[in-house]
């Protein structure tokens, strides 16, 4: 029922909202036991997004040139 729609964007939005809800729930329940998640900062998240974007771009460029040769 949760994933019954065929819309890809709707599925992505639902998964994102479910993930955020679970993180908020975890933060509310385990307040004193979350010290091991201190490395998750906005700066580290930005680094992860940038690095993953660069890797995906390199992969897409490699695929483009590979398909162009054929």
N, C-alpha and C. Protein backbone atom coordinates (compact mmCIF):
# COMPACT_ATOMS: atom_id res chain seq x y z
N UNK A 1 0.81 -1.19 0.00
CA UNK A 1 0.00 0.00 0.00
C UNK A 1 0.86 1.26 0.00
N UNK A 2 1.97 1.24 0.72
CA UNK A 2 2.84 2.41 0.81
C UNK A 2 3.51 2.70 -0.52
N UNK A 3 3.86 1.65 -1.25
CA UNK A 3 4.56 1.81 -2.52
C UNK A 3 3.68 1.38 -3.70
N UNK A 4 2.37 1.48 -3.57
CA UNK A 4 1.48 0.98 -4.61
C UNK A 4 1.42 1.90 -5.83
N UNK A 5 1.82 3.14 -5.71
CA UNK A 5 1.77 4.05 -6.84
C UNK A 5 2.89 3.75 -7.82
N UNK A 6 2.67 4.07 -9.07
CA UNK A 6 3.69 3.84 -10.09
C UNK A 6 4.53 5.09 -10.33
N UNK A 7 4.23 6.16 -9.65
CA UNK A 7 4.95 7.42 -9.82
C UNK A 7 6.29 7.34 -9.08
N UNK A 8 7.36 7.48 -9.83
CA UNK A 8 8.71 7.36 -9.24
C UNK A 8 8.98 8.51 -8.26
N UNK A 9 8.57 9.70 -8.60
CA UNK A 9 8.81 10.86 -7.73
C UNK A 9 8.05 10.70 -6.43
N UNK A 10 6.83 10.18 -6.50
CA UNK A 10 6.03 9.98 -5.29
C UNK A 10 6.72 8.97 -4.36
N UNK A 11 7.28 7.92 -4.93
CA UNK A 11 7.98 6.92 -4.13
C UNK A 11 9.20 7.53 -3.44
N UNK A 12 9.95 8.35 -4.18
CA UNK A 12 11.14 8.98 -3.61
C UNK A 12 10.75 9.92 -2.47
N UNK A 13 9.71 10.70 -2.67
CA UNK A 13 9.26 11.62 -1.62
C UNK A 13 8.80 10.85 -0.39
N UNK A 14 8.08 9.76 -0.59
CA UNK A 14 7.60 8.97 0.55
C UNK A 14 8.76 8.34 1.31
N UNK A 15 9.75 7.82 0.61
CA UNK A 15 10.91 7.24 1.29
C UNK A 15 11.66 8.31 2.07
N UNK A 16 11.81 9.50 1.48
CA UNK A 16 12.49 10.58 2.17
C UNK A 16 11.75 10.99 3.43
N UNK A 17 10.44 11.17 3.33
CA UNK A 17 9.66 11.57 4.50
C UNK A 17 9.68 10.49 5.58
N UNK A 18 9.63 9.23 5.19
CA UNK A 18 9.71 8.15 6.16
C UNK A 18 11.07 8.16 6.86
N UNK A 19 12.14 8.40 6.10
CA UNK A 19 13.48 8.46 6.69
C UNK A 19 13.60 9.60 7.68
N UNK A 20 13.10 10.77 7.31
CA UNK A 20 13.15 11.93 8.21
C UNK A 20 12.34 11.65 9.47
N UNK A 21 11.17 11.07 9.31
CA UNK A 21 10.34 10.75 10.47
C UNK A 21 11.06 9.77 11.41
N UNK A 22 11.70 8.76 10.84
CA UNK A 22 12.41 7.79 11.67
C UNK A 22 13.61 8.42 12.38
N UNK A 23 14.30 9.35 11.72
CA UNK A 23 15.42 10.05 12.37
C UNK A 23 14.92 10.92 13.52
N UNK A 24 13.82 11.61 13.31
CA UNK A 24 13.25 12.44 14.38
C UNK A 24 12.81 11.57 15.54
N UNK A 25 12.17 10.46 15.24
CA UNK A 25 11.74 9.54 16.28
C UNK A 25 12.93 8.99 17.05
N UNK A 26 13.98 8.63 16.34
CA UNK A 26 15.20 8.13 16.99
C UNK A 26 15.80 9.20 17.90
N UNK A 27 15.83 10.44 17.42
CA UNK A 27 16.40 11.53 18.22
C UNK A 27 15.58 11.78 19.48
N UNK A 28 14.28 11.64 19.39
CA UNK A 28 13.44 11.86 20.56
C UNK A 28 13.56 10.73 21.59
N UNK A 29 13.71 9.53 21.10
CA UNK A 29 13.76 8.37 22.00
C UNK A 29 15.14 8.19 22.63
N UNK A 30 16.17 8.37 21.85
CA UNK A 30 17.54 8.05 22.30
C UNK A 30 18.38 9.31 22.48
N UNK A 31 17.92 10.28 23.20
CA UNK A 31 18.63 11.55 23.33
C UNK A 31 20.06 11.40 23.87
N UNK A 32 20.24 10.65 24.94
CA UNK A 32 21.56 10.57 25.56
C UNK A 32 22.46 9.54 24.90
N UNK A 33 21.96 8.72 24.02
CA UNK A 33 22.76 7.67 23.40
C UNK A 33 23.17 7.99 21.96
N UNK A 34 23.00 9.23 21.53
CA UNK A 34 23.32 9.60 20.16
C UNK A 34 24.66 10.31 20.02
N UNK A 35 25.54 10.17 20.99
CA UNK A 35 26.83 10.85 20.93
C UNK A 35 27.70 10.34 19.80
N UNK A 36 27.48 9.11 19.35
CA UNK A 36 28.28 8.56 18.26
C UNK A 36 27.87 9.12 16.90
N UNK A 37 26.81 9.90 16.83
CA UNK A 37 26.40 10.54 15.58
C UNK A 37 26.85 11.99 15.47
N UNK A 38 27.80 12.38 16.31
CA UNK A 38 28.27 13.77 16.29
C UNK A 38 28.99 14.14 15.00
N UNK A 39 29.51 13.15 14.27
CA UNK A 39 30.23 13.45 13.04
C UNK A 39 29.29 13.88 11.91
N UNK A 40 27.99 13.71 12.08
CA UNK A 40 27.03 14.13 11.07
C UNK A 40 26.75 15.62 11.29
N UNK A 41 27.45 16.43 10.53
CA UNK A 41 27.29 17.87 10.59
C UNK A 41 26.89 18.38 9.21
N UNK A 42 26.40 19.60 9.10
CA UNK A 42 26.08 20.13 7.77
C UNK A 42 27.28 20.16 6.83
N UNK A 43 28.46 20.42 7.39
CA UNK A 43 29.66 20.45 6.55
C UNK A 43 29.98 19.06 5.99
N UNK A 44 29.89 18.03 6.84
CA UNK A 44 30.15 16.68 6.38
C UNK A 44 29.09 16.22 5.37
N UNK A 45 27.85 16.60 5.58
CA UNK A 45 26.80 16.25 4.63
C UNK A 45 27.05 16.93 3.28
N UNK A 46 27.51 18.18 3.32
CA UNK A 46 27.83 18.88 2.07
C UNK A 46 28.98 18.19 1.34
N UNK A 47 29.99 17.74 2.07
CA UNK A 47 31.10 17.01 1.45
C UNK A 47 30.61 15.73 0.79
N UNK A 48 29.74 15.01 1.46
CA UNK A 48 29.22 13.75 0.91
C UNK A 48 28.43 14.04 -0.37
N UNK A 49 27.61 15.09 -0.35
CA UNK A 49 26.82 15.44 -1.53
C UNK A 49 27.73 15.85 -2.69
N UNK A 50 28.73 16.66 -2.40
CA UNK A 50 29.65 17.10 -3.46
C UNK A 50 30.43 15.94 -4.05
N UNK A 51 30.97 15.08 -3.20
CA UNK A 51 31.76 13.96 -3.69
C UNK A 51 30.89 12.99 -4.50
N UNK A 52 29.70 12.70 -4.01
CA UNK A 52 28.82 11.81 -4.76
C UNK A 52 28.41 12.44 -6.09
N UNK A 53 28.18 13.73 -6.12
CA UNK A 53 27.85 14.42 -7.37
C UNK A 53 28.99 14.37 -8.36
N UNK A 54 30.21 14.57 -7.88
CA UNK A 54 31.38 14.51 -8.75
C UNK A 54 31.56 13.10 -9.30
N UNK A 55 31.39 12.09 -8.45
CA UNK A 55 31.54 10.71 -8.91
C UNK A 55 30.47 10.34 -9.94
N UNK A 56 29.25 10.77 -9.72
CA UNK A 56 28.18 10.49 -10.68
C UNK A 56 28.44 11.20 -12.00
N UNK A 57 28.94 12.43 -11.94
CA UNK A 57 29.26 13.18 -13.16
C UNK A 57 30.36 12.49 -13.94
N UNK A 58 31.40 12.05 -13.26
CA UNK A 58 32.50 11.35 -13.93
C UNK A 58 31.99 10.07 -14.58
N UNK A 59 31.14 9.33 -13.87
CA UNK A 59 30.58 8.10 -14.41
C UNK A 59 29.73 8.39 -15.65
N UNK A 60 28.90 9.43 -15.59
CA UNK A 60 28.05 9.77 -16.73
C UNK A 60 28.89 10.21 -17.94
N UNK A 61 29.96 10.97 -17.72
CA UNK A 61 30.84 11.37 -18.80
C UNK A 61 31.52 10.15 -19.41
N UNK A 62 31.98 9.23 -18.57
CA UNK A 62 32.59 7.99 -19.05
C UNK A 62 31.59 7.20 -19.89
N UNK A 63 30.35 7.08 -19.44
CA UNK A 63 29.32 6.37 -20.20
C UNK A 63 29.05 7.06 -21.53
N UNK A 64 29.02 8.38 -21.53
CA UNK A 64 28.77 9.13 -22.75
C UNK A 64 29.83 8.85 -23.80
N UNK A 65 31.11 8.92 -23.41
CA UNK A 65 32.18 8.68 -24.36
C UNK A 65 32.23 7.20 -24.79
N UNK A 66 31.87 6.32 -23.90
CA UNK A 66 31.83 4.89 -24.24
C UNK A 66 30.75 4.62 -25.27
N UNK A 67 29.56 5.24 -25.10
CA UNK A 67 28.48 5.07 -26.07
C UNK A 67 28.76 5.80 -27.38
N UNK A 68 29.50 6.89 -27.30
CA UNK A 68 29.82 7.67 -28.50
C UNK A 68 30.74 6.89 -29.43
N UNK A 69 31.62 6.06 -28.85
CA UNK A 69 32.54 5.27 -29.66
C UNK A 69 31.80 4.18 -30.43
N UNK A 70 30.72 3.68 -29.88
CA UNK A 70 29.97 2.59 -30.54
C UNK A 70 29.05 3.07 -31.57
